[in-house]
Amino acid sequence: MPDLADRHSVADPDASQRCLHFTRLRLCGDPVAARDVRRAHRARP
């Protein structure tokens, strides 16, 4: 997981946080929260 975050952070520090947050929700098995995160991702400009 850490090296994934490192690769992301080189190009876009925010992307790594969104990616890790989304992955954590999926791993925790919280489909409602994961759906909300996906909606938030689509809403971003």
PDB file of N, CA and C in Angstrom:
ATOM      1  N   MET A   1       0.818  -1.218   0.000  1.00  0.00           N
ATOM      2  CA  MET A   1       0.000   0.000   0.000  1.00  0.00           C
ATOM      3  C   MET A   1       0.858   1.278   0.000  1.00  0.00           C
ATOM      4  N   PRO A   2       1.892   1.360   0.847  1.00  0.00           N
ATOM      5  CA  PRO A   2       2.690   2.592   0.885  1.00  0.00           C
ATOM      6  C   PRO A   2       3.296   2.966  -0.464  1.00  0.00           C
ATOM      7  N   ASP A   3       3.809   1.986  -1.224  1.00  0.00           N
ATOM      8  CA  ASP A   3       4.427   2.351  -2.497  1.00  0.00           C
ATOM      9  C   ASP A   3       3.387   2.846  -3.498  1.00  0.00           C
ATOM     10  N   LEU A   4       2.149   2.351  -3.409  1.00  0.00           N
ATOM     11  CA  LEU A   4       1.078   2.868  -4.266  1.00  0.00           C
ATOM     12  C   LEU A   4       0.859   4.352  -3.961  1.00  0.00           C
ATOM     13  N   ALA A   5       0.789   4.687  -2.678  1.00  0.00           N
ATOM     14  CA  ALA A   5       0.591   6.078  -2.276  1.00  0.00           C
ATOM     15  C   ALA A   5       1.763   6.941  -2.743  1.00  0.00           C
ATOM     16  N   ASP A   6       2.975   6.411  -2.625  1.00  0.00           N
ATOM     17  CA  ASP A   6       4.152   7.176  -3.042  1.00  0.00           C
ATOM     18  C   ASP A   6       4.099   7.471  -4.536  1.00  0.00           C
ATOM     19  N   ARG A   7       3.723   6.471  -5.336  1.00  0.00           N
ATOM     20  CA  ARG A   7       3.654   6.685  -6.782  1.00  0.00           C
ATOM     21  C   ARG A   7       2.635   7.769  -7.110  1.00  0.00           C
ATOM     22  N   HIS A   8       1.476   7.718  -6.441  1.00  0.00           N
ATOM     23  CA  HIS A   8       0.439   8.716  -6.699  1.00  0.00           C
ATOM     24  C   HIS A   8       0.911  10.114  -6.287  1.00  0.00           C
ATOM     25  N   SER A   9       1.509  10.197  -5.105  1.00  0.00           N
ATOM     26  CA  SER A   9       1.819  11.506  -4.525  1.00  0.00           C
ATOM     27  C   SER A   9       2.817  12.287  -5.375  1.00  0.00           C
ATOM     28  N   VAL A  10       3.615  11.595  -6.185  1.00  0.00           N
ATOM     29  CA  VAL A  10       4.570  12.309  -7.040  1.00  0.00           C
ATOM     30  C   VAL A  10       3.817  13.225  -8.003  1.00  0.00           C
ATOM     31  N   ALA A  11       2.739  12.714  -8.587  1.00  0.00           N
ATOM     32  CA  ALA A  11       1.994  13.484  -9.577  1.00  0.00           C
ATOM     33  C   ALA A  11       0.915  14.349  -8.925  1.00  0.00           C
ATOM     34  N   ASP A  12       0.214  13.799  -7.927  1.00  0.00           N
ATOM     35  CA  ASP A  12      -0.937  14.493  -7.349  1.00  0.00           C
ATOM     36  C   ASP A  12      -1.150  14.018  -5.911  1.00  0.00           C
ATOM     37  N   PRO A  13      -0.721  14.804  -4.922  1.00  0.00           N
ATOM     38  CA  PRO A  13      -0.854  14.393  -3.519  1.00  0.00           C
ATOM     39  C   PRO A  13      -2.300  14.072  -3.135  1.00  0.00           C
ATOM     40  N   ASP A  14      -3.263  14.842  -3.671  1.00  0.00           N
ATOM     41  CA  ASP A  14      -4.669  14.600  -3.344  1.00  0.00           C
ATOM     42  C   ASP A  14      -5.141  13.254  -3.870  1.00  0.00           C
ATOM     43  N   ALA A  15      -4.651  12.869  -5.040  1.00  0.00           N
ATOM     44  CA  ALA A  15      -5.101  11.620  -5.658  1.00  0.00           C
ATOM     45  C   ALA A  15      -4.781  10.433  -4.758  1.00  0.00           C
ATOM     46  N   SER A  16      -3.606  10.441  -4.132  1.00  0.00           N
ATOM     47  CA  SER A  16      -3.231   9.309  -3.289  1.00  0.00           C
ATOM     48  C   SER A  16      -4.196   9.195  -2.114  1.00  0.00           C
ATOM     49  N   GLN A  17      -4.573  10.326  -1.519  1.00  0.00           N
ATOM     50  CA  GLN A  17      -5.485  10.287  -0.383  1.00  0.00           C
ATOM     51  C   GLN A  17      -6.859   9.786  -0.808  1.00  0.00           C
ATOM     52  N   ARG A  18      -7.371  10.271  -1.942  1.00  0.00           N
ATOM     53  CA  ARG A  18      -8.681   9.814  -2.414  1.00  0.00           C
ATOM     54  C   ARG A  18      -8.642   8.325  -2.729  1.00  0.00           C
ATOM     55  N   CYS A  19      -7.547   7.895  -3.376  1.00  0.00           N
ATOM     56  CA  CYS A  19      -7.414   6.491  -3.761  1.00  0.00           C
ATOM     57  C   CYS A  19      -7.380   5.616  -2.517  1.00  0.00           C
ATOM     58  N   LEU A  20      -6.558   5.983  -1.533  1.00  0.00           N
ATOM     59  CA  LEU A  20      -6.427   5.174  -0.325  1.00  0.00           C
ATOM     60  C   LEU A  20      -7.730   5.184   0.467  1.00  0.00           C
ATOM     61  N   HIS A  21      -8.406   6.333   0.526  1.00  0.00           N
ATOM     62  CA  HIS A  21      -9.667   6.432   1.251  1.00  0.00           C
ATOM     63  C   HIS A  21     -10.704   5.512   0.626  1.00  0.00           C
ATOM     64  N   PHE A  22     -10.808   5.557  -0.698  1.00  0.00           N
ATOM     65  CA  PHE A  22     -11.751   4.719  -1.425  1.00  0.00           C
ATOM     66  C   PHE A  22     -11.425   3.246  -1.208  1.00  0.00           C
ATOM     67  N   THR A  23     -10.138   2.889  -1.298  1.00  0.00           N
ATOM     68  CA  THR A  23      -9.723   1.493  -1.121  1.00  0.00           C
ATOM     69  C   THR A  23     -10.056   1.022   0.281  1.00  0.00           C
ATOM     70  N   ARG A  24      -9.828   1.870   1.266  1.00  0.00           N
ATOM     71  CA  ARG A  24     -10.109   1.495   2.648  1.00  0.00           C
ATOM     72  C   ARG A  24     -11.597   1.214   2.827  1.00  0.00           C
ATOM     73  N   LEU A  25     -12.444   2.060   2.242  1.00  0.00           N
ATOM     74  CA  LEU A  25     -13.885   1.843   2.355  1.00  0.00           C
ATOM     75  C   LEU A  25     -14.278   0.510   1.741  1.00  0.00           C
ATOM     76  N   ARG A  26     -13.711   0.199   0.577  1.00  0.00           N
ATOM     77  CA  ARG A  26     -14.025  -1.063  -0.085  1.00  0.00           C
ATOM     78  C   ARG A  26     -13.567  -2.246   0.767  1.00  0.00           C
ATOM     79  N   LEU A  27     -12.354  -2.136   1.323  1.00  0.00           N
ATOM     80  CA  LEU A  27     -11.812  -3.226   2.136  1.00  0.00           C
ATOM     81  C   LEU A  27     -12.630  -3.402   3.411  1.00  0.00           C
ATOM     82  N   CYS A  28     -13.163  -2.304   3.940  1.00  0.00           N
ATOM     83  CA  CYS A  28     -13.968  -2.390   5.158  1.00  0.00           C
ATOM     84  C   CYS A  28     -15.378  -2.885   4.845  1.00  0.00           C
ATOM     85  N   GLY A  29     -15.713  -2.999   3.561  1.00  0.00           N
ATOM     86  CA  GLY A  29     -17.015  -3.532   3.187  1.00  0.00           C
ATOM     87  C   GLY A  29     -18.151  -2.577   3.514  1.00  0.00           C
ATOM     88  N   ASP A  30     -17.962  -1.289   3.257  1.00  0.00           N
ATOM     89  CA  ASP A  30     -19.010  -0.298   3.519  1.00  0.00           C
ATOM     90  C   ASP A  30     -19.525   0.218   2.177  1.00  0.00           C
ATOM     91  N   PRO A  31     -20.486  -0.495   1.558  1.00  0.00           N
ATOM     92  CA  PRO A  31     -20.928  -0.138   0.204  1.00  0.00           C
ATOM     93  C   PRO A  31     -21.579   1.236   0.121  1.00  0.00           C
ATOM     94  N   VAL A  32     -22.283   1.649   1.164  1.00  0.00           N
ATOM     95  CA  VAL A  32     -22.943   2.955   1.126  1.00  0.00           C
ATOM     96  C   VAL A  32     -21.896   4.067   1.098  1.00  0.00           C
ATOM     97  N   ALA A  33     -20.912   3.983   1.974  1.00  0.00           N
ATOM     98  CA  ALA A  33     -19.856   4.994   2.008  1.00  0.00           C
ATOM     99  C   ALA A  33     -19.057   4.971   0.712  1.00  0.00           C
ATOM    100  N   ALA A  34     -18.770   3.772   0.212  1.00  0.00           N
ATOM    101  CA  ALA A  34     -18.017   3.654  -1.038  1.00  0.00           C
ATOM    102  C   ALA A  34     -18.786   4.309  -2.181  1.00  0.00           C
ATOM    103  N   ARG A  35     -20.111   4.128  -2.199  1.00  0.00           N
ATOM    104  CA  ARG A  35     -20.925   4.742  -3.256  1.00  0.00           C
ATOM    105  C   ARG A  35     -20.857   6.266  -3.137  1.00  0.00           C
ATOM    106  N   ASP A  36     -20.922   6.774  -1.913  1.00  0.00           N
ATOM    107  CA  ASP A  36     -20.838   8.224  -1.712  1.00  0.00           C
ATOM    108  C   ASP A  36     -19.491   8.759  -2.189  1.00  0.00           C
ATOM    109  N   VAL A  37     -18.423   8.010  -1.937  1.00  0.00           N
ATOM    110  CA  VAL A  37     -17.096   8.444  -2.375  1.00  0.00           C
ATOM    111  C   VAL A  37     -17.042   8.464  -3.893  1.00  0.00           C
ATOM    112  N   ARG A  38     -17.613   7.429  -4.543  1.00  0.00           N
ATOM    113  CA  ARG A  38     -17.622   7.413  -6.007  1.00  0.00           C
ATOM    114  C   ARG A  38     -18.376   8.620  -6.541  1.00  0.00           C
ATOM    115  N   ARG A  39     -19.501   8.968  -5.915  1.00  0.00           N
ATOM    116  CA  ARG A  39     -20.282  10.126  -6.351  1.00  0.00           C
ATOM    117  C   ARG A  39     -19.453  11.401  -6.182  1.00  0.00           C
ATOM    118  N   ALA A  40     -18.736  11.507  -5.079  1.00  0.00           N
ATOM    119  CA  ALA A  40     -17.902  12.683  -4.833  1.00  0.00           C
ATOM    120  C   ALA A  40     -16.792  12.781  -5.881  1.00  0.00           C
ATOM    121  N   HIS A  41     -16.216  11.632  -6.259  1.00  0.00           N
ATOM    122  CA  HIS A  41     -15.169  11.635  -7.286  1.00  0.00           C
ATOM    123  C   HIS A  41     -15.724  12.168  -8.602  1.00  0.00           C
ATOM    124  N   ARG A  42     -16.925  11.705  -8.982  1.00  0.00           N
ATOM    125  CA  ARG A  42     -17.508  12.154 -10.247  1.00  0.00           C
ATOM    126  C   ARG A  42     -17.841  13.643 -10.198  1.00  0.00           C
ATOM    127  N   ALA A  43     -18.220  14.133  -9.027  1.00  0.00           N
ATOM    128  CA  ALA A  43     -18.630  15.531  -8.898  1.00  0.00           C
ATOM    129  C   ALA A  43     -17.432  16.485  -8.959  1.00  0.00           C
ATOM    130  N   ARG A  44     -16.227  15.971  -8.709  1.00  0.00           N
ATOM    131  CA  ARG A  44     -15.043  16.841  -8.732  1.00  0.00           C
ATOM    132  C   ARG A  44     -14.802  17.376 -10.138  1.00  0.00           C
ATOM    133  N   PRO A  45     -14.426  18.650 -10.263  1.00  0.00           N
ATOM    134  CA  PRO A  45     -14.170  19.255 -11.576  1.00  0.00           C
ATOM    135  C   PRO A  45     -12.942  18.641 -12.254  1.00  0.00           C
TER     136      PRO A  45
END
